[in-house]
Amino acid sequence: MTFKSLEFALELSGVTPKDIERILSMSKKNGIFCEAIDAELVKMGYDEIFDTEDYSADDDDFGHIEKFPCKHKFLED
């Protein structure tokens, strides 16, 4: 994530320009860490804006998918 995309995400979430500058200066000093930014936003009275939940362990509803060959194969007996 770049500083421009971070600034854009904060603007979309309704963070005031003064608080955006505070978050950006903190991020420039410590790096862009979503958990730290969310914690700082909660301290300021905002909701968390980054989704840090890991969805990789979720099981999908699709079973095994078998690929079929594109060309017909003729078998000689």
PDB file of N, CA and C in Angstrom:
ATOM      1  N   MET A   1       0.848  -1.162   0.000  1.00  0.00           N
ATOM      2  CA  MET A   1       0.000   0.000   0.000  1.00  0.00           C
ATOM      3  C   MET A   1       0.902   1.236   0.000  1.00  0.00           C
ATOM      4  N   THR A   2       0.544   2.201  -0.815  1.00  0.00           N
ATOM      5  CA  THR A   2       1.303   3.449  -0.869  1.00  0.00           C
ATOM      6  C   THR A   2       0.652   4.487   0.031  1.00  0.00           C
ATOM      7  N   PHE A   3       1.358   5.583   0.240  1.00  0.00           N
ATOM      8  CA  PHE A   3       0.812   6.646   1.070  1.00  0.00           C
ATOM      9  C   PHE A   3      -0.391   7.310   0.406  1.00  0.00           C
ATOM     10  N   LYS A   4      -0.373   7.386  -0.933  1.00  0.00           N
ATOM     11  CA  LYS A   4      -1.521   7.957  -1.652  1.00  0.00           C
ATOM     12  C   LYS A   4      -2.755   7.070  -1.489  1.00  0.00           C
ATOM     13  N   SER A   5      -2.585   5.753  -1.585  1.00  0.00           N
ATOM     14  CA  SER A   5      -3.729   4.858  -1.425  1.00  0.00           C
ATOM     15  C   SER A   5      -4.223   4.852   0.023  1.00  0.00           C
ATOM     16  N   LEU A   6      -3.311   5.001   0.979  1.00  0.00           N
ATOM     17  CA  LEU A   6      -3.704   5.106   2.378  1.00  0.00           C
ATOM     18  C   LEU A   6      -4.506   6.382   2.604  1.00  0.00           C
ATOM     19  N   GLU A   7      -4.034   7.488   2.042  1.00  0.00           N
ATOM     20  CA  GLU A   7      -4.745   8.754   2.176  1.00  0.00           C
ATOM     21  C   GLU A   7      -6.138   8.657   1.551  1.00  0.00           C
ATOM     22  N   PHE A   8      -6.224   8.013   0.400  1.00  0.00           N
ATOM     23  CA  PHE A   8      -7.507   7.837  -0.279  1.00  0.00           C
ATOM     24  C   PHE A   8      -8.462   6.994   0.559  1.00  0.00           C
ATOM     25  N   ALA A   9      -7.965   5.910   1.141  1.00  0.00           N
ATOM     26  CA  ALA A   9      -8.806   5.043   1.974  1.00  0.00           C
ATOM     27  C   ALA A   9      -9.311   5.792   3.208  1.00  0.00           C
ATOM     28  N   LEU A  10      -8.463   6.617   3.782  1.00  0.00           N
ATOM     29  CA  LEU A  10      -8.874   7.398   4.948  1.00  0.00           C
ATOM     30  C   LEU A  10      -9.928   8.436   4.576  1.00  0.00           C
ATOM     31  N   GLU A  11      -9.748   9.083   3.418  1.00  0.00           N
ATOM     32  CA  GLU A  11     -10.739  10.061   2.960  1.00  0.00           C
ATOM     33  C   GLU A  11     -12.091   9.402   2.710  1.00  0.00           C
ATOM     34  N   LEU A  12     -12.074   8.226   2.091  1.00  0.00           N
ATOM     35  CA  LEU A  12     -13.330   7.516   1.821  1.00  0.00           C
ATOM     36  C   LEU A  12     -14.039   7.081   3.090  1.00  0.00           C
ATOM     37  N   SER A  13     -13.273   6.878   4.141  1.00  0.00           N
ATOM     38  CA  SER A  13     -13.859   6.423   5.400  1.00  0.00           C
ATOM     39  C   SER A  13     -14.359   7.568   6.269  1.00  0.00           C
ATOM     40  N   GLY A  14     -14.196   8.797   5.791  1.00  0.00           N
ATOM     41  CA  GLY A  14     -14.726   9.929   6.527  1.00  0.00           C
ATOM     42  C   GLY A  14     -13.810  10.481   7.599  1.00  0.00           C
ATOM     43  N   VAL A  15     -12.532  10.209   7.505  1.00  0.00           N
ATOM     44  CA  VAL A  15     -11.573  10.735   8.476  1.00  0.00           C
ATOM     45  C   VAL A  15     -11.286  12.193   8.115  1.00  0.00           C
ATOM     46  N   THR A  16     -11.234  13.053   9.100  1.00  0.00           N
ATOM     47  CA  THR A  16     -11.007  14.475   8.853  1.00  0.00           C
ATOM     48  C   THR A  16      -9.582  14.710   8.336  1.00  0.00           C
ATOM     49  N   PRO A  17      -9.383  15.777   7.551  1.00  0.00           N
ATOM     50  CA  PRO A  17      -8.042  16.046   7.002  1.00  0.00           C
ATOM     51  C   PRO A  17      -6.958  16.199   8.069  1.00  0.00           C
ATOM     52  N   LYS A  18      -7.293  16.760   9.208  1.00  0.00           N
ATOM     53  CA  LYS A  18      -6.317  16.913  10.301  1.00  0.00           C
ATOM     54  C   LYS A  18      -5.875  15.540  10.810  1.00  0.00           C
ATOM     55  N   ASP A  19      -6.836  14.630  10.968  1.00  0.00           N
ATOM     56  CA  ASP A  19      -6.505  13.283  11.447  1.00  0.00           C
ATOM     57  C   ASP A  19      -5.789  12.472  10.372  1.00  0.00           C
ATOM     58  N   ILE A  20      -6.110  12.738   9.102  1.00  0.00           N
ATOM     59  CA  ILE A  20      -5.418  12.055   8.003  1.00  0.00           C
ATOM     60  C   ILE A  20      -3.934  12.416   8.041  1.00  0.00           C
ATOM     61  N   GLU A  21      -3.640  13.692   8.224  1.00  0.00           N
ATOM     62  CA  GLU A  21      -2.239  14.121   8.302  1.00  0.00           C
ATOM     63  C   GLU A  21      -1.534  13.464   9.485  1.00  0.00           C
ATOM     64  N   ARG A  22      -2.225  13.323  10.598  1.00  0.00           N
ATOM     65  CA  ARG A  22      -1.642  12.675  11.783  1.00  0.00           C
ATOM     66  C   ARG A  22      -1.329  11.205  11.493  1.00  0.00           C
ATOM     67  N   ILE A  23      -2.268  10.512  10.852  1.00  0.00           N
ATOM     68  CA  ILE A  23      -2.065   9.091  10.508  1.00  0.00           C
ATOM     69  C   ILE A  23      -0.937   8.955   9.487  1.00  0.00           C
ATOM     70  N   LEU A  24      -0.900   9.833   8.488  1.00  0.00           N
ATOM     71  CA  LEU A  24       0.148   9.754   7.472  1.00  0.00           C
ATOM     72  C   LEU A  24       1.529  10.012   8.077  1.00  0.00           C
ATOM     73  N   SER A  25       1.635  10.977   8.975  1.00  0.00           N
ATOM     74  CA  SER A  25       2.941  11.229   9.595  1.00  0.00           C
ATOM     75  C   SER A  25       3.367  10.057  10.468  1.00  0.00           C
ATOM     76  N   MET A  26       2.411   9.441  11.166  1.00  0.00           N
ATOM     77  CA  MET A  26       2.715   8.257  11.958  1.00  0.00           C
ATOM     78  C   MET A  26       3.174   7.115  11.050  1.00  0.00           C
ATOM     79  N   SER A  27       2.507   6.950   9.899  1.00  0.00           N
ATOM     80  CA  SER A  27       2.845   5.870   8.974  1.00  0.00           C
ATOM     81  C   SER A  27       4.189   6.111   8.303  1.00  0.00           C
ATOM     82  N   LYS A  28       4.513   7.362   8.016  1.00  0.00           N
ATOM     83  CA  LYS A  28       5.818   7.657   7.414  1.00  0.00           C
ATOM     84  C   LYS A  28       6.951   7.368   8.391  1.00  0.00           C
ATOM     85  N   LYS A  29       6.683   7.536   9.663  1.00  0.00           N
ATOM     86  CA  LYS A  29       7.701   7.283  10.685  1.00  0.00           C
ATOM     87  C   LYS A  29       7.839   5.787  10.973  1.00  0.00           C
ATOM     88  N   ASN A  30       6.699   5.075  11.109  1.00  0.00           N
ATOM     89  CA  ASN A  30       6.724   3.678  11.547  1.00  0.00           C
ATOM     90  C   ASN A  30       6.464   2.673  10.436  1.00  0.00           C
ATOM     91  N   GLY A  31       6.024   3.123   9.271  1.00  0.00           N
ATOM     92  CA  GLY A  31       5.648   2.213   8.196  1.00  0.00           C
ATOM     93  C   GLY A  31       4.143   2.033   8.168  1.00  0.00           C
ATOM     94  N   ILE A  32       3.651   1.482   7.067  1.00  0.00           N
ATOM     95  CA  ILE A  32       2.212   1.296   6.901  1.00  0.00           C
ATOM     96  C   ILE A  32       1.841  -0.103   7.410  1.00  0.00           C
ATOM     97  N   PHE A  33       1.262  -0.144   8.589  1.00  0.00           N
ATOM     98  CA  PHE A  33       0.785  -1.391   9.184  1.00  0.00           C
ATOM     99  C   PHE A  33      -0.706  -1.211   9.480  1.00  0.00           C
ATOM    100  N   CYS A  34      -1.530  -2.015   8.836  1.00  0.00           N
ATOM    101  CA  CYS A  34      -2.980  -1.853   8.943  1.00  0.00           C
ATOM    102  C   CYS A  34      -3.473  -1.976  10.380  1.00  0.00           C
ATOM    103  N   GLU A  35      -2.903  -2.898  11.142  1.00  0.00           N
ATOM    104  CA  GLU A  35      -3.343  -3.086  12.515  1.00  0.00           C
ATOM    105  C   GLU A  35      -3.056  -1.846  13.356  1.00  0.00           C
ATOM    106  N   ALA A  36      -1.868  -1.254  13.163  1.00  0.00           N
ATOM    107  CA  ALA A  36      -1.492  -0.064  13.929  1.00  0.00           C
ATOM    108  C   ALA A  36      -2.349   1.131  13.529  1.00  0.00           C
ATOM    109  N   ILE A  37      -2.645   1.241  12.241  1.00  0.00           N
ATOM    110  CA  ILE A  37      -3.485   2.346  11.763  1.00  0.00           C
ATOM    111  C   ILE A  37      -4.895   2.197  12.305  1.00  0.00           C
ATOM    112  N   ASP A  38      -5.425   0.976  12.280  1.00  0.00           N
ATOM    113  CA  ASP A  38      -6.760   0.746  12.832  1.00  0.00           C
ATOM    114  C   ASP A  38      -6.805   1.053  14.324  1.00  0.00           C
ATOM    115  N   ALA A  39      -5.764   0.671  15.051  1.00  0.00           N
ATOM    116  CA  ALA A  39      -5.727   0.948  16.491  1.00  0.00           C
ATOM    117  C   ALA A  39      -5.702   2.451  16.747  1.00  0.00           C
ATOM    118  N   GLU A  40      -4.953   3.178  15.949  1.00  0.00           N
ATOM    119  CA  GLU A  40      -4.890   4.632  16.108  1.00  0.00           C
ATOM    120  C   GLU A  40      -6.232   5.277  15.758  1.00  0.00           C
ATOM    121  N   LEU A  41      -6.894   4.754  14.721  1.00  0.00           N
ATOM    122  CA  LEU A  41      -8.212   5.278  14.354  1.00  0.00           C
ATOM    123  C   LEU A  41      -9.237   5.042  15.461  1.00  0.00           C
ATOM    124  N   VAL A  42      -9.177   3.886  16.102  1.00  0.00           N
ATOM    125  CA  VAL A  42     -10.101   3.589  17.198  1.00  0.00           C
ATOM    126  C   VAL A  42      -9.834   4.538  18.372  1.00  0.00           C
ATOM    127  N   LYS A  43      -8.554   4.826  18.644  1.00  0.00           N
ATOM    128  CA  LYS A  43      -8.226   5.787  19.701  1.00  0.00           C
ATOM    129  C   LYS A  43      -8.803   7.171  19.401  1.00  0.00           C
ATOM    130  N   MET A  44      -8.850   7.519  18.089  1.00  0.00           N
ATOM    131  CA  MET A  44      -9.375   8.825  17.679  1.00  0.00           C
ATOM    132  C   MET A  44     -10.897   8.854  17.628  1.00  0.00           C
ATOM    133  N   GLY A  45     -11.532   7.682  17.766  1.00  0.00           N
ATOM    134  CA  GLY A  45     -12.986   7.630  17.767  1.00  0.00           C
ATOM    135  C   GLY A  45     -13.604   7.183  16.461  1.00  0.00           C
ATOM    136  N   TYR A  46     -12.788   6.704  15.529  1.00  0.00           N
ATOM    137  CA  TYR A  46     -13.291   6.202  14.247  1.00  0.00           C
ATOM    138  C   TYR A  46     -13.428   4.688  14.300  1.00  0.00           C
ATOM    139  N   ASP A  47     -14.125   4.144  13.316  1.00  0.00           N
ATOM    140  CA  ASP A  47     -14.195   2.691  13.167  1.00  0.00           C
ATOM    141  C   ASP A  47     -12.948   2.199  12.448  1.00  0.00           C
ATOM    142  N   GLU A  48     -12.674   0.910  12.608  1.00  0.00           N
ATOM    143  CA  GLU A  48     -11.570   0.304  11.861  1.00  0.00           C
ATOM    144  C   GLU A  48     -11.933   0.307  10.378  1.00  0.00           C
ATOM    145  N   ILE A  49     -10.932   0.541   9.514  1.00  0.00           N
ATOM    146  CA  ILE A  49     -11.233   0.598   8.083  1.00  0.00           C
ATOM    147  C   ILE A  49     -10.592  -0.540   7.299  1.00  0.00           C
ATOM    148  N   PHE A  50      -9.621  -1.220   7.903  1.00  0.00           N
ATOM    149  CA  PHE A  50      -8.940  -2.300   7.202  1.00  0.00           C
ATOM    150  C   PHE A  50      -9.436  -3.644   7.704  1.00  0.00           C
ATOM    151  N   ASP A  51      -9.664  -4.550   6.765  1.00  0.00           N
ATOM    152  CA  ASP A  51     -10.108  -5.894   7.088  1.00  0.00           C
ATOM    153  C   ASP A  51      -8.872  -6.772   7.209  1.00  0.00           C
ATOM    154  N   THR A  52      -8.548  -7.165   8.418  1.00  0.00           N
ATOM    155  CA  THR A  52      -7.337  -7.958   8.642  1.00  0.00           C
ATOM    156  C   THR A  52      -7.646  -9.419   8.940  1.00  0.00           C
ATOM    157  N   GLU A  53      -8.888  -9.810   8.795  1.00  0.00           N
ATOM    158  CA  GLU A  53      -9.261 -11.193   9.066  1.00  0.00           C
ATOM    159  C   GLU A  53      -8.742 -12.093   7.952  1.00  0.00           C
ATOM    160  N   ASP A  54      -8.258 -13.247   8.312  1.00  0.00           N
ATOM    161  CA  ASP A  54      -7.698 -14.192   7.356  1.00  0.00           C
ATOM    162  C   ASP A  54      -8.808 -15.107   6.852  1.00  0.00           C
ATOM    163  N   TYR A  55      -9.095 -15.025   5.567  1.00  0.00           N
ATOM    164  CA  TYR A  55     -10.138 -15.843   4.963  1.00  0.00           C
ATOM    165  C   TYR A  55      -9.577 -17.059   4.232  1.00  0.00           C
ATOM    166  N   SER A  56      -8.293 -17.279   4.315  1.00  0.00           N
ATOM    167  CA  SER A  56      -7.693 -18.381   3.570  1.00  0.00           C
ATOM    168  C   SER A  56      -8.125 -19.746   4.115  1.00  0.00           C
ATOM    169  N   ALA A  57      -8.529 -19.814   5.364  1.00  0.00           N
ATOM    170  CA  ALA A  57      -8.915 -21.093   5.959  1.00  0.00           C
ATOM    171  C   ALA A  57     -10.374 -21.438   5.673  1.00  0.00           C
ATOM    172  N   ASP A  58     -11.116 -20.510   5.117  1.00  0.00           N
ATOM    173  CA  ASP A  58     -12.521 -20.788   4.833  1.00  0.00           C
ATOM    174  C   ASP A  58     -12.649 -21.880   3.776  1.00  0.00           C
ATOM    175  N   ASP A  59     -13.577 -22.753   3.997  1.00  0.00           N
ATOM    176  CA  ASP A  59     -13.826 -23.835   3.063  1.00  0.00           C
ATOM    177  C   ASP A  59     -14.895 -23.381   2.085  1.00  0.00           C
ATOM    178  N   ASP A  60     -14.616 -23.504   0.818  1.00  0.00           N
ATOM    179  CA  ASP A  60     -15.632 -23.089  -0.150  1.00  0.00           C
ATOM    180  C   ASP A  60     -16.631 -24.216  -0.392  1.00  0.00           C
ATOM    181  N   ASP A  61     -17.705 -23.894  -1.075  1.00  0.00           N
ATOM    182  CA  ASP A  61     -18.773 -24.860  -1.305  1.00  0.00           C
ATOM    183  C   ASP A  61     -18.583 -25.658  -2.586  1.00  0.00           C
ATOM    184  N   PHE A  62     -17.468 -25.493  -3.227  1.00  0.00           N
ATOM    185  CA  PHE A  62     -17.245 -26.191  -4.485  1.00  0.00           C
ATOM    186  C   PHE A  62     -16.455 -27.463  -4.237  1.00  0.00           C
ATOM    187  N   GLY A  63     -16.878 -28.507  -4.885  1.00  0.00           N
ATOM    188  CA  GLY A  63     -16.176 -29.768  -4.757  1.00  0.00           C
ATOM    189  C   GLY A  63     -15.081 -29.882  -5.791  1.00  0.00           C
ATOM    190  N   HIS A  64     -14.641 -31.068  -6.030  1.00  0.00           N
ATOM    191  CA  HIS A  64     -13.596 -31.319  -7.000  1.00  0.00           C
ATOM    192  C   HIS A  64     -14.125 -31.045  -8.404  1.00  0.00           C
ATOM    193  N   ILE A  65     -13.337 -30.354  -9.195  1.00  0.00           N
ATOM    194  CA  ILE A  65     -13.718 -30.057 -10.574  1.00  0.00           C
ATOM    195  C   ILE A  65     -12.771 -30.812 -11.487  1.00  0.00           C
ATOM    196  N   GLU A  66     -13.357 -31.614 -12.392  1.00  0.00           N
ATOM    197  CA  GLU A  66     -12.553 -32.382 -13.320  1.00  0.00           C
ATOM    198  C   GLU A  66     -12.534 -31.677 -14.658  1.00  0.00           C
ATOM    199  N   LYS A  67     -11.358 -31.504 -15.199  1.00  0.00           N
ATOM    200  CA  LYS A  67     -11.228 -30.852 -16.498  1.00  0.00           C
ATOM    201  C   LYS A  67     -11.384 -31.887 -17.598  1.00  0.00           C
ATOM    202  N   PHE A  68     -12.109 -31.512 -18.615  1.00  0.00           N
ATOM    203  CA  PHE A  68     -12.309 -32.399 -19.750  1.00  0.00           C
ATOM    204  C   PHE A  68     -11.387 -31.969 -20.885  1.00  0.00           C
ATOM    205  N   PRO A  69     -10.892 -32.930 -21.662  1.00  0.00           N
ATOM    206  CA  PRO A  69     -10.020 -32.551 -22.776  1.00  0.00           C
ATOM    207  C   PRO A  69     -10.816 -31.778 -23.835  1.00  0.00           C
ATOM    208  N   CYS A  70     -10.143 -30.868 -24.493  1.00  0.00           N
ATOM    209  CA  CYS A  70     -10.807 -30.035 -25.499  1.00  0.00           C
ATOM    210  C   CYS A  70     -11.073 -30.805 -26.792  1.00  0.00           C
ATOM    211  N   LYS A  71     -10.190 -31.691 -27.189  1.00  0.00           N
ATOM    212  CA  LYS A  71     -10.337 -32.408 -28.445  1.00  0.00           C
ATOM    213  C   LYS A  71     -10.890 -33.802 -28.183  1.00  0.00           C
ATOM    214  N   HIS A  72     -11.613 -34.294 -29.155  1.00  0.00           N
ATOM    215  CA  HIS A  72     -12.124 -35.662 -29.056  1.00  0.00           C
ATOM    216  C   HIS A  72     -10.977 -36.628 -29.288  1.00  0.00           C
ATOM    217  N   LYS A  73     -10.974 -37.661 -28.515  1.00  0.00           N
ATOM    218  CA  LYS A  73      -9.942 -38.689 -28.682  1.00  0.00           C
ATOM    219  C   LYS A  73     -10.631 -39.938 -29.218  1.00  0.00           C
ATOM    220  N   PHE A  74     -10.058 -40.474 -30.283  1.00  0.00           N
ATOM    221  CA  PHE A  74     -10.590 -41.684 -30.874  1.00  0.00           C
ATOM    222  C   PHE A  74      -9.734 -42.862 -30.423  1.00  0.00           C
ATOM    223  N   LEU A  75     -10.406 -43.836 -29.896  1.00  0.00           N
ATOM    224  CA  LEU A  75      -9.708 -45.023 -29.440  1.00  0.00           C
ATOM    225  C   LEU A  75      -9.869 -46.130 -30.455  1.00  0.00           C
ATOM    226  N   GLU A  76      -8.772 -46.770 -30.782  1.00  0.00           N
ATOM    227  CA  GLU A  76      -8.840 -47.901 -31.708  1.00  0.00           C
ATOM    228  C   GLU A  76      -8.924 -49.175 -30.886  1.00  0.00           C
ATOM    229  N   ASP A  77      -9.839 -50.042 -31.275  1.00  0.00           N
ATOM    230  CA  ASP A  77      -9.992 -51.313 -30.555  1.00  0.00           C
ATOM    231  C   ASP A  77      -9.060 -52.348 -31.049  1.00  0.00           C
TER     232      ASP A  77
END
